[in-house]
Amino acid sequence: MTVEVVSPEDVAATERTAGVVRMAMFETETAVVVQSHIEEGTTTAWHSHGDRHVYGYVVEGARAVEYWPEGDETRECSAGA
């Protein structure tokens, strides 16, 4: 098992999508961990992280994620749920 600690100095914010600021914590061959700040009403373009697991935690508000393989599955999540 590997334990990885990421501090604020280890990440840089990017804004590839208007209304979304992403900070990649780390990525491996099997997982992606990203902190995102998403403005209300923002929709991102379809993209894929391949077969990797993507982990998220909603702090405030709610979101819906359409996902692999064809975007035909949707997972809705909200803060505190």
PDB file of N, CA and C in Angstrom:
ATOM      1  N   MET A   1       0.841  -1.178   0.000  1.00  0.00           N
ATOM      2  CA  MET A   1       0.000   0.000   0.000  1.00  0.00           C
ATOM      3  C   MET A   1       0.884   1.239   0.000  1.00  0.00           C
ATOM      4  N   THR A   2       0.423   2.253  -0.705  1.00  0.00           N
ATOM      5  CA  THR A   2       1.141   3.520  -0.765  1.00  0.00           C
ATOM      6  C   THR A   2       0.258   4.620  -0.189  1.00  0.00           C
ATOM      7  N   VAL A   3       0.834   5.458   0.646  1.00  0.00           N
ATOM      8  CA  VAL A   3       0.130   6.617   1.177  1.00  0.00           C
ATOM      9  C   VAL A   3       0.750   7.842   0.535  1.00  0.00           C
ATOM     10  N   GLU A   4      -0.080   8.668  -0.084  1.00  0.00           N
ATOM     11  CA  GLU A   4       0.412   9.874  -0.740  1.00  0.00           C
ATOM     12  C   GLU A   4      -0.248  11.082  -0.103  1.00  0.00           C
ATOM     13  N   VAL A   5       0.554  12.049   0.293  1.00  0.00           N
ATOM     14  CA  VAL A   5       0.049  13.270   0.901  1.00  0.00           C
ATOM     15  C   VAL A   5       0.257  14.400  -0.102  1.00  0.00           C
ATOM     16  N   VAL A   6      -0.808  15.160  -0.364  1.00  0.00           N
ATOM     17  CA  VAL A   6      -0.745  16.268  -1.305  1.00  0.00           C
ATOM     18  C   VAL A   6      -1.068  17.546  -0.544  1.00  0.00           C
ATOM     19  N   SER A   7      -0.175  18.515  -0.605  1.00  0.00           N
ATOM     20  CA  SER A   7      -0.402  19.791   0.069  1.00  0.00           C
ATOM     21  C   SER A   7      -0.806  20.843  -0.972  1.00  0.00           C
ATOM     22  N   PRO A   8      -1.365  21.961  -0.543  1.00  0.00           N
ATOM     23  CA  PRO A   8      -1.767  23.008  -1.492  1.00  0.00           C
ATOM     24  C   PRO A   8      -0.633  23.473  -2.401  1.00  0.00           C
ATOM     25  N   GLU A   9       0.581  23.420  -1.923  1.00  0.00           N
ATOM     26  CA  GLU A   9       1.727  23.843  -2.732  1.00  0.00           C
ATOM     27  C   GLU A   9       2.024  22.869  -3.867  1.00  0.00           C
ATOM     28  N   ASP A  10       1.464  21.647  -3.786  1.00  0.00           N
ATOM     29  CA  ASP A  10       1.727  20.609  -4.779  1.00  0.00           C
ATOM     30  C   ASP A  10       0.789  20.666  -5.983  1.00  0.00           C
ATOM     31  N   VAL A  11      -0.236  21.505  -5.932  1.00  0.00           N
ATOM     32  CA  VAL A  11      -1.221  21.529  -7.012  1.00  0.00           C
ATOM     33  C   VAL A  11      -1.327  22.913  -7.619  1.00  0.00           C
ATOM     34  N   ALA A  12      -1.694  22.954  -8.889  1.00  0.00           N
ATOM     35  CA  ALA A  12      -1.898  24.217  -9.576  1.00  0.00           C
ATOM     36  C   ALA A  12      -3.288  24.204 -10.200  1.00  0.00           C
ATOM     37  N   ALA A  13      -3.998  25.295 -10.078  1.00  0.00           N
ATOM     38  CA  ALA A  13      -5.347  25.381 -10.638  1.00  0.00           C
ATOM     39  C   ALA A  13      -5.281  25.605 -12.139  1.00  0.00           C
ATOM     40  N   THR A  14      -6.192  24.955 -12.853  1.00  0.00           N
ATOM     41  CA  THR A  14      -6.333  25.164 -14.289  1.00  0.00           C
ATOM     42  C   THR A  14      -7.797  25.468 -14.584  1.00  0.00           C
ATOM     43  N   GLU A  15      -8.045  26.216 -15.630  1.00  0.00           N
ATOM     44  CA  GLU A  15      -9.418  26.507 -16.033  1.00  0.00           C
ATOM     45  C   GLU A  15      -9.525  26.215 -17.527  1.00  0.00           C
ATOM     46  N   ARG A  16      -9.730  24.938 -17.857  1.00  0.00           N
ATOM     47  CA  ARG A  16      -9.867  24.534 -19.250  1.00  0.00           C
ATOM     48  C   ARG A  16     -11.297  24.712 -19.738  1.00  0.00           C
ATOM     49  N   THR A  17     -12.232  24.726 -18.823  1.00  0.00           N
ATOM     50  CA  THR A  17     -13.647  24.901 -19.149  1.00  0.00           C
ATOM     51  C   THR A  17     -14.135  26.144 -18.424  1.00  0.00           C
ATOM     52  N   ALA A  18     -14.791  27.039 -19.138  1.00  0.00           N
ATOM     53  CA  ALA A  18     -15.318  28.243 -18.504  1.00  0.00           C
ATOM     54  C   ALA A  18     -16.233  27.856 -17.348  1.00  0.00           C
ATOM     55  N   GLY A  19     -15.997  28.448 -16.187  1.00  0.00           N
ATOM     56  CA  GLY A  19     -16.811  28.162 -15.017  1.00  0.00           C
ATOM     57  C   GLY A  19     -16.323  27.007 -14.170  1.00  0.00           C
ATOM     58  N   VAL A  20     -15.220  26.365 -14.575  1.00  0.00           N
ATOM     59  CA  VAL A  20     -14.685  25.227 -13.820  1.00  0.00           C
ATOM     60  C   VAL A  20     -13.200  25.452 -13.549  1.00  0.00           C
ATOM     61  N   VAL A  21     -12.826  25.442 -12.279  1.00  0.00           N
ATOM     62  CA  VAL A  21     -11.411  25.507 -11.904  1.00  0.00           C
ATOM     63  C   VAL A  21     -11.057  24.150 -11.308  1.00  0.00           C
ATOM     64  N   ARG A  22     -10.090  23.466 -11.923  1.00  0.00           N
ATOM     65  CA  ARG A  22      -9.691  22.128 -11.498  1.00  0.00           C
ATOM     66  C   ARG A  22      -8.295  22.167 -10.888  1.00  0.00           C
ATOM     67  N   MET A  23      -8.126  21.369  -9.844  1.00  0.00           N
ATOM     68  CA  MET A  23      -6.812  21.198  -9.237  1.00  0.00           C
ATOM     69  C   MET A  23      -6.559  19.698  -9.124  1.00  0.00           C
ATOM     70  N   ALA A  24      -5.675  19.183  -9.955  1.00  0.00           N
ATOM     71  CA  ALA A  24      -5.382  17.752  -9.955  1.00  0.00           C
ATOM     72  C   ALA A  24      -4.549  17.410  -8.727  1.00  0.00           C
ATOM     73  N   MET A  25      -5.091  16.565  -7.867  1.00  0.00           N
ATOM     74  CA  MET A  25      -4.366  16.115  -6.683  1.00  0.00           C
ATOM     75  C   MET A  25      -3.353  15.046  -7.093  1.00  0.00           C
ATOM     76  N   PHE A  26      -3.850  13.996  -7.770  1.00  0.00           N
ATOM     77  CA  PHE A  26      -2.960  13.001  -8.352  1.00  0.00           C
ATOM     78  C   PHE A  26      -3.734  12.108  -9.305  1.00  0.00           C
ATOM     79  N   GLU A  27      -2.997  11.454 -10.205  1.00  0.00           N
ATOM     80  CA  GLU A  27      -3.560  10.498 -11.142  1.00  0.00           C
ATOM     81  C   GLU A  27      -2.664   9.271 -11.162  1.00  0.00           C
ATOM     82  N   THR A  28      -3.284   8.101 -11.259  1.00  0.00           N
ATOM     83  CA  THR A  28      -2.546   6.856 -11.414  1.00  0.00           C
ATOM     84  C   THR A  28      -3.143   6.111 -12.612  1.00  0.00           C
ATOM     85  N   GLU A  29      -2.666   4.924 -12.865  1.00  0.00           N
ATOM     86  CA  GLU A  29      -3.217   4.125 -13.952  1.00  0.00           C
ATOM     87  C   GLU A  29      -4.653   3.704 -13.665  1.00  0.00           C
ATOM     88  N   THR A  30      -5.066   3.747 -12.393  1.00  0.00           N
ATOM     89  CA  THR A  30      -6.397   3.269 -12.036  1.00  0.00           C
ATOM     90  C   THR A  30      -7.315   4.324 -11.421  1.00  0.00           C
ATOM     91  N   ALA A  31      -6.797   5.512 -11.120  1.00  0.00           N
ATOM     92  CA  ALA A  31      -7.630   6.498 -10.429  1.00  0.00           C
ATOM     93  C   ALA A  31      -7.244   7.934 -10.776  1.00  0.00           C
ATOM     94  N   VAL A  32      -8.233   8.815 -10.652  1.00  0.00           N
ATOM     95  CA  VAL A  32      -8.040  10.255 -10.829  1.00  0.00           C
ATOM     96  C   VAL A  32      -8.672  10.940  -9.620  1.00  0.00           C
ATOM     97  N   VAL A  33      -7.928  11.820  -8.962  1.00  0.00           N
ATOM     98  CA  VAL A  33      -8.467  12.589  -7.844  1.00  0.00           C
ATOM     99  C   VAL A  33      -8.232  14.066  -8.162  1.00  0.00           C
ATOM    100  N   VAL A  34      -9.336  14.806  -8.319  1.00  0.00           N
ATOM    101  CA  VAL A  34      -9.278  16.206  -8.703  1.00  0.00           C
ATOM    102  C   VAL A  34     -10.217  17.002  -7.812  1.00  0.00           C
ATOM    103  N   GLN A  35      -9.772  18.167  -7.373  1.00  0.00           N
ATOM    104  CA  GLN A  35     -10.650  19.086  -6.668  1.00  0.00           C
ATOM    105  C   GLN A  35     -11.148  20.091  -7.702  1.00  0.00           C
ATOM    106  N   SER A  36     -12.467  20.231  -7.818  1.00  0.00           N
ATOM    107  CA  SER A  36     -13.041  21.143  -8.801  1.00  0.00           C
ATOM    108  C   SER A  36     -13.969  22.146  -8.126  1.00  0.00           C
ATOM    109  N   HIS A  37     -13.897  23.370  -8.584  1.00  0.00           N
ATOM    110  CA  HIS A  37     -14.833  24.417  -8.170  1.00  0.00           C
ATOM    111  C   HIS A  37     -15.642  24.737  -9.419  1.00  0.00           C
ATOM    112  N   ILE A  38     -16.953  24.458  -9.372  1.00  0.00           N
ATOM    113  CA  ILE A  38     -17.802  24.582 -10.546  1.00  0.00           C
ATOM    114  C   ILE A  38     -18.889  25.612 -10.281  1.00  0.00           C
ATOM    115  N   GLU A  39     -18.957  26.612 -11.149  1.00  0.00           N
ATOM    116  CA  GLU A  39     -19.978  27.640 -11.000  1.00  0.00           C
ATOM    117  C   GLU A  39     -21.351  27.045 -11.295  1.00  0.00           C
ATOM    118  N   GLU A  40     -22.356  27.518 -10.584  1.00  0.00           N
ATOM    119  CA  GLU A  40     -23.722  27.043 -10.765  1.00  0.00           C
ATOM    120  C   GLU A  40     -24.144  27.155 -12.227  1.00  0.00           C
ATOM    121  N   GLY A  41     -24.783  26.109 -12.728  1.00  0.00           N
ATOM    122  CA  GLY A  41     -25.286  26.098 -14.095  1.00  0.00           C
ATOM    123  C   GLY A  41     -24.267  25.730 -15.148  1.00  0.00           C
ATOM    124  N   THR A  42     -23.043  25.417 -14.756  1.00  0.00           N
ATOM    125  CA  THR A  42     -21.982  25.094 -15.704  1.00  0.00           C
ATOM    126  C   THR A  42     -22.133  23.662 -16.216  1.00  0.00           C
ATOM    127  N   THR A  43     -21.962  23.486 -17.514  1.00  0.00           N
ATOM    128  CA  THR A  43     -21.948  22.167 -18.139  1.00  0.00           C
ATOM    129  C   THR A  43     -20.620  22.008 -18.851  1.00  0.00           C
ATOM    130  N   THR A  44     -19.965  20.876 -18.654  1.00  0.00           N
ATOM    131  CA  THR A  44     -18.688  20.642 -19.324  1.00  0.00           C
ATOM    132  C   THR A  44     -18.901  19.796 -20.570  1.00  0.00           C
ATOM    133  N   ALA A  45     -17.954  19.851 -21.471  1.00  0.00           N
ATOM    134  CA  ALA A  45     -17.989  19.015 -22.669  1.00  0.00           C
ATOM    135  C   ALA A  45     -17.739  17.564 -22.281  1.00  0.00           C
ATOM    136  N   TRP A  46     -18.235  16.644 -23.087  1.00  0.00           N
ATOM    137  CA  TRP A  46     -18.027  15.222 -22.839  1.00  0.00           C
ATOM    138  C   TRP A  46     -16.530  14.917 -22.891  1.00  0.00           C
ATOM    139  N   HIS A  47     -16.046  14.201 -21.915  1.00  0.00           N
ATOM    140  CA  HIS A  47     -14.665  13.750 -21.903  1.00  0.00           C
ATOM    141  C   HIS A  47     -14.596  12.453 -21.118  1.00  0.00           C
ATOM    142  N   SER A  48     -13.477  11.759 -21.217  1.00  0.00           N
ATOM    143  CA  SER A  48     -13.351  10.462 -20.570  1.00  0.00           C
ATOM    144  C   SER A  48     -12.031  10.359 -19.832  1.00  0.00           C
ATOM    145  N   HIS A  49     -12.052   9.621 -18.745  1.00  0.00           N
ATOM    146  CA  HIS A  49     -10.828   9.303 -18.018  1.00  0.00           C
ATOM    147  C   HIS A  49     -10.461   7.841 -18.240  1.00  0.00           C
ATOM    148  N   GLY A  50     -10.962   7.279 -19.335  1.00  0.00           N
ATOM    149  CA  GLY A  50     -10.669   5.885 -19.661  1.00  0.00           C
ATOM    150  C   GLY A  50     -11.298   4.942 -18.652  1.00  0.00           C
ATOM    151  N   ASP A  51     -10.569   3.901 -18.301  1.00  0.00           N
ATOM    152  CA  ASP A  51     -11.067   2.908 -17.352  1.00  0.00           C
ATOM    153  C   ASP A  51     -10.749   3.261 -15.905  1.00  0.00           C
ATOM    154  N   ARG A  52     -10.178   4.450 -15.675  1.00  0.00           N
ATOM    155  CA  ARG A  52      -9.806   4.827 -14.315  1.00  0.00           C
ATOM    156  C   ARG A  52     -11.020   5.225 -13.487  1.00  0.00           C
ATOM    157  N   HIS A  53     -10.939   5.001 -12.193  1.00  0.00           N
ATOM    158  CA  HIS A  53     -11.959   5.459 -11.260  1.00  0.00           C
ATOM    159  C   HIS A  53     -11.770   6.958 -11.048  1.00  0.00           C
ATOM    160  N   VAL A  54     -12.874   7.685 -10.964  1.00  0.00           N
ATOM    161  CA  VAL A  54     -12.825   9.112 -10.672  1.00  0.00           C
ATOM    162  C   VAL A  54     -13.558   9.317  -9.355  1.00  0.00           C
ATOM    163  N   TYR A  55     -12.899   9.942  -8.395  1.00  0.00           N
ATOM    164  CA  TYR A  55     -13.472  10.145  -7.070  1.00  0.00           C
ATOM    165  C   TYR A  55     -13.863  11.605  -6.896  1.00  0.00           C
ATOM    166  N   GLY A  56     -15.022  11.815  -6.295  1.00  0.00           N
ATOM    167  CA  GLY A  56     -15.474  13.172  -6.053  1.00  0.00           C
ATOM    168  C   GLY A  56     -16.215  13.261  -4.738  1.00  0.00           C
ATOM    169  N   TYR A  57     -16.278  14.454  -4.203  1.00  0.00           N
ATOM    170  CA  TYR A  57     -16.984  14.734  -2.954  1.00  0.00           C
ATOM    171  C   TYR A  57     -17.606  16.106  -3.104  1.00  0.00           C
ATOM    172  N   VAL A  58     -18.911  16.193  -2.980  1.00  0.00           N
ATOM    173  CA  VAL A  58     -19.612  17.464  -3.146  1.00  0.00           C
ATOM    174  C   VAL A  58     -19.662  18.185  -1.800  1.00  0.00           C
ATOM    175  N   VAL A  59     -19.092  19.385  -1.747  1.00  0.00           N
ATOM    176  CA  VAL A  59     -19.048  20.172  -0.517  1.00  0.00           C
ATOM    177  C   VAL A  59     -20.278  21.064  -0.405  1.00  0.00           C
ATOM    178  N   GLU A  60     -20.718  21.613  -1.536  1.00  0.00           N
ATOM    179  CA  GLU A  60     -21.851  22.532  -1.542  1.00  0.00           C
ATOM    180  C   GLU A  60     -22.611  22.358  -2.859  1.00  0.00           C
ATOM    181  N   GLY A  61     -23.928  22.387  -2.798  1.00  0.00           N
ATOM    182  CA  GLY A  61     -24.736  22.283  -4.004  1.00  0.00           C
ATOM    183  C   GLY A  61     -24.952  20.839  -4.431  1.00  0.00           C
ATOM    184  N   ALA A  62     -25.154  20.639  -5.727  1.00  0.00           N
ATOM    185  CA  ALA A  62     -25.413  19.309  -6.277  1.00  0.00           C
ATOM    186  C   ALA A  62     -24.856  19.236  -7.688  1.00  0.00           C
ATOM    187  N   ARG A  63     -24.702  18.012  -8.201  1.00  0.00           N
ATOM    188  CA  ARG A  63     -24.238  17.843  -9.564  1.00  0.00           C
ATOM    189  C   ARG A  63     -24.724  16.522 -10.112  1.00  0.00           C
ATOM    190  N   ALA A  64     -24.764  16.429 -11.416  1.00  0.00           N
ATOM    191  CA  ALA A  64     -25.088  15.187 -12.104  1.00  0.00           C
ATOM    192  C   ALA A  64     -23.913  14.857 -13.006  1.00  0.00           C
ATOM    193  N   VAL A  65     -23.504  13.604 -13.016  1.00  0.00           N
ATOM    194  CA  VAL A  65     -22.377  13.158 -13.834  1.00  0.00           C
ATOM    195  C   VAL A  65     -22.874  12.068 -14.770  1.00  0.00           C
ATOM    196  N   GLU A  66     -22.719  12.297 -16.063  1.00  0.00           N
ATOM    197  CA  GLU A  66     -22.994  11.266 -17.061  1.00  0.00           C
ATOM    198  C   GLU A  66     -21.673  10.557 -17.302  1.00  0.00           C
ATOM    199  N   TYR A  67     -21.700   9.240 -17.384  1.00  0.00           N
ATOM    200  CA  TYR A  67     -20.416   8.553 -17.465  1.00  0.00           C
ATOM    201  C   TYR A  67     -20.416   7.366 -18.409  1.00  0.00           C
ATOM    202  N   TRP A  68     -19.281   6.822 -18.554  1.00  0.00           N
ATOM    203  CA  TRP A  68     -18.827   5.755 -19.416  1.00  0.00           C
ATOM    204  C   TRP A  68     -19.806   4.618 -19.484  1.00  0.00           C
ATOM    205  N   PRO A  69     -19.910   3.887 -20.587  1.00  0.00           N
ATOM    206  CA  PRO A  69     -19.107   4.061 -21.797  1.00  0.00           C
ATOM    207  C   PRO A  69     -19.699   5.036 -22.811  1.00  0.00           C
ATOM    208  N   GLU A  70     -20.993   5.225 -22.816  1.00  0.00           N
ATOM    209  CA  GLU A  70     -21.616   6.089 -23.818  1.00  0.00           C
ATOM    210  C   GLU A  70     -22.291   7.309 -23.199  1.00  0.00           C
ATOM    211  N   GLY A  71     -22.073   7.545 -21.923  1.00  0.00           N
ATOM    212  CA  GLY A  71     -22.758   8.638 -21.255  1.00  0.00           C
ATOM    213  C   GLY A  71     -24.207   8.295 -20.962  1.00  0.00           C
ATOM    214  N   ASP A  72     -24.522   7.000 -21.031  1.00  0.00           N
ATOM    215  CA  ASP A  72     -25.902   6.579 -20.837  1.00  0.00           C
ATOM    216  C   ASP A  72     -26.237   6.286 -19.376  1.00  0.00           C
ATOM    217  N   GLU A  73     -25.271   6.443 -18.494  1.00  0.00           N
ATOM    218  CA  GLU A  73     -25.497   6.303 -17.062  1.00  0.00           C
ATOM    219  C   GLU A  73     -25.334   7.675 -16.418  1.00  0.00           C
ATOM    220  N   THR A  74     -26.144   7.980 -15.433  1.00  0.00           N
ATOM    221  CA  THR A  74     -26.055   9.260 -14.731  1.00  0.00           C
ATOM    222  C   THR A  74     -26.038   9.024 -13.237  1.00  0.00           C
ATOM    223  N   ARG A  75     -25.185   9.742 -12.560  1.00  0.00           N
ATOM    224  CA  ARG A  75     -25.129   9.682 -11.094  1.00  0.00           C
ATOM    225  C   ARG A  75     -25.324  11.096 -10.590  1.00  0.00           C
ATOM    226  N   GLU A  76     -26.350  11.287  -9.778  1.00  0.00           N
ATOM    227  CA  GLU A  76     -26.593  12.581  -9.154  1.00  0.00           C
ATOM    228  C   GLU A  76     -26.095  12.531  -7.723  1.00  0.00           C
ATOM    229  N   CYS A  77     -25.467  13.612  -7.287  1.00  0.00           N
ATOM    230  CA  CYS A  77     -24.966  13.665  -5.910  1.00  0.00           C
ATOM    231  C   CYS A  77     -25.094  15.089  -5.392  1.00  0.00           C
ATOM    232  N   SER A  78     -25.194  15.199  -4.079  1.00  0.00           N
ATOM    233  CA  SER A  78     -25.339  16.526  -3.482  1.00  0.00           C
ATOM    234  C   SER A  78     -24.576  16.567  -2.162  1.00  0.00           C
ATOM    235  N   ALA A  79     -24.339  17.760  -1.702  1.00  0.00           N
ATOM    236  CA  ALA A  79     -23.615  17.934  -0.438  1.00  0.00           C
ATOM    237  C   ALA A  79     -24.384  17.266   0.693  1.00  0.00           C
ATOM    238  N   GLY A  80     -23.655  16.565   1.534  1.00  0.00           N
ATOM    239  CA  GLY A  80     -24.249  15.923   2.693  1.00  0.00           C
ATOM    240  C   GLY A  80     -24.969  14.618   2.416  1.00  0.00           C
ATOM    241  N   ALA A  81     -25.001  14.197   1.149  1.00  0.00           N
ATOM    242  CA  ALA A  81     -25.712  12.946   0.810  1.00  0.00           C
ATOM    243  C   ALA A  81     -24.753  11.789   0.649  1.00  0.00           C
TER     244      ALA A  81
END
